[in-house]
Amino acid sequence: MTELELIIKNGKVVTASDTYVADVGVKDGKIETIGVNLSPGSGTQVIVAKGK
């Protein structure tokens, strides 16, 4: 995977069947990946969404 531009950490992810806490990785303005403990690269902006 190439470097993500933005990682939103510990956000609430809502789907049609579930709600859970995860990290969301964004590249080129689109969601690239959803996972736990995504690792930022040197140029990745990180936003902590916990409690927001």
Protein backbone atom coordinates (compact mmCIF):
# COMPACT_ATOMS: atom_id res chain seq x y z
CA MET A 1 0.00 0.00 0.00
CA THR A 2 1.28 3.47 -0.83
CA GLU A 3 1.39 6.18 1.80
CA LEU A 4 -1.95 7.54 2.98
CA GLU A 5 -2.58 11.29 3.00
CA LEU A 6 -4.83 11.20 6.05
CA ILE A 7 -5.67 8.76 8.83
CA ILE A 8 -8.69 9.36 11.03
CA LYS A 9 -7.96 7.33 14.19
CA ASN A 10 -10.56 5.75 16.46
CA GLY A 11 -13.59 7.01 14.55
CA LYS A 12 -17.06 5.51 14.71
CA VAL A 13 -17.69 3.59 11.47
CA VAL A 14 -21.36 2.95 10.66
CA THR A 15 -22.51 0.43 8.05
CA ALA A 16 -25.96 -0.90 7.20
CA SER A 17 -25.49 -3.78 9.63
CA ASP A 18 -22.94 -2.66 12.24
CA THR A 19 -21.28 0.17 14.15
CA TYR A 20 -17.67 -0.12 15.32
CA VAL A 21 -14.55 1.91 16.13
CA ALA A 22 -11.76 1.85 13.54
CA ASP A 23 -9.14 3.90 11.70
CA VAL A 24 -10.00 5.26 8.25
CA GLY A 25 -7.19 5.81 5.75
CA VAL A 26 -7.67 8.35 2.95
CA LYS A 27 -5.71 8.72 -0.29
CA ASP A 28 -6.53 11.01 -3.22
CA GLY A 29 -9.66 12.18 -1.40
CA LYS A 30 -11.15 8.68 -1.17
CA ILE A 31 -11.29 6.03 1.54
CA GLU A 32 -8.44 3.63 0.79
CA THR A 33 -8.67 1.36 3.83
CA ILE A 34 -10.48 0.80 7.12
CA GLY A 35 -8.68 -1.04 9.88
CA VAL A 36 -7.23 -1.01 13.37
CA ASN A 37 -3.93 0.66 14.28
CA LEU A 38 -3.15 2.01 10.80
CA SER A 39 0.43 3.29 10.70
CA PRO A 40 1.01 6.80 9.35
CA GLY A 41 3.86 7.57 6.99
CA SER A 42 6.12 10.59 7.38
CA GLY A 43 3.76 12.81 5.37
CA THR A 44 0.46 11.49 6.70
CA GLN A 45 -1.88 13.86 8.55
CA VAL A 46 -3.48 12.18 11.58
CA ILE A 47 -6.78 13.22 13.16
CA VAL A 48 -7.86 11.56 16.42
CA ALA A 49 -11.64 11.24 16.34
CA LYS A 50 -12.14 9.53 19.70
CA GLY A 51 -15.04 11.17 21.52
CA LYS A 52 -16.01 13.30 18.52
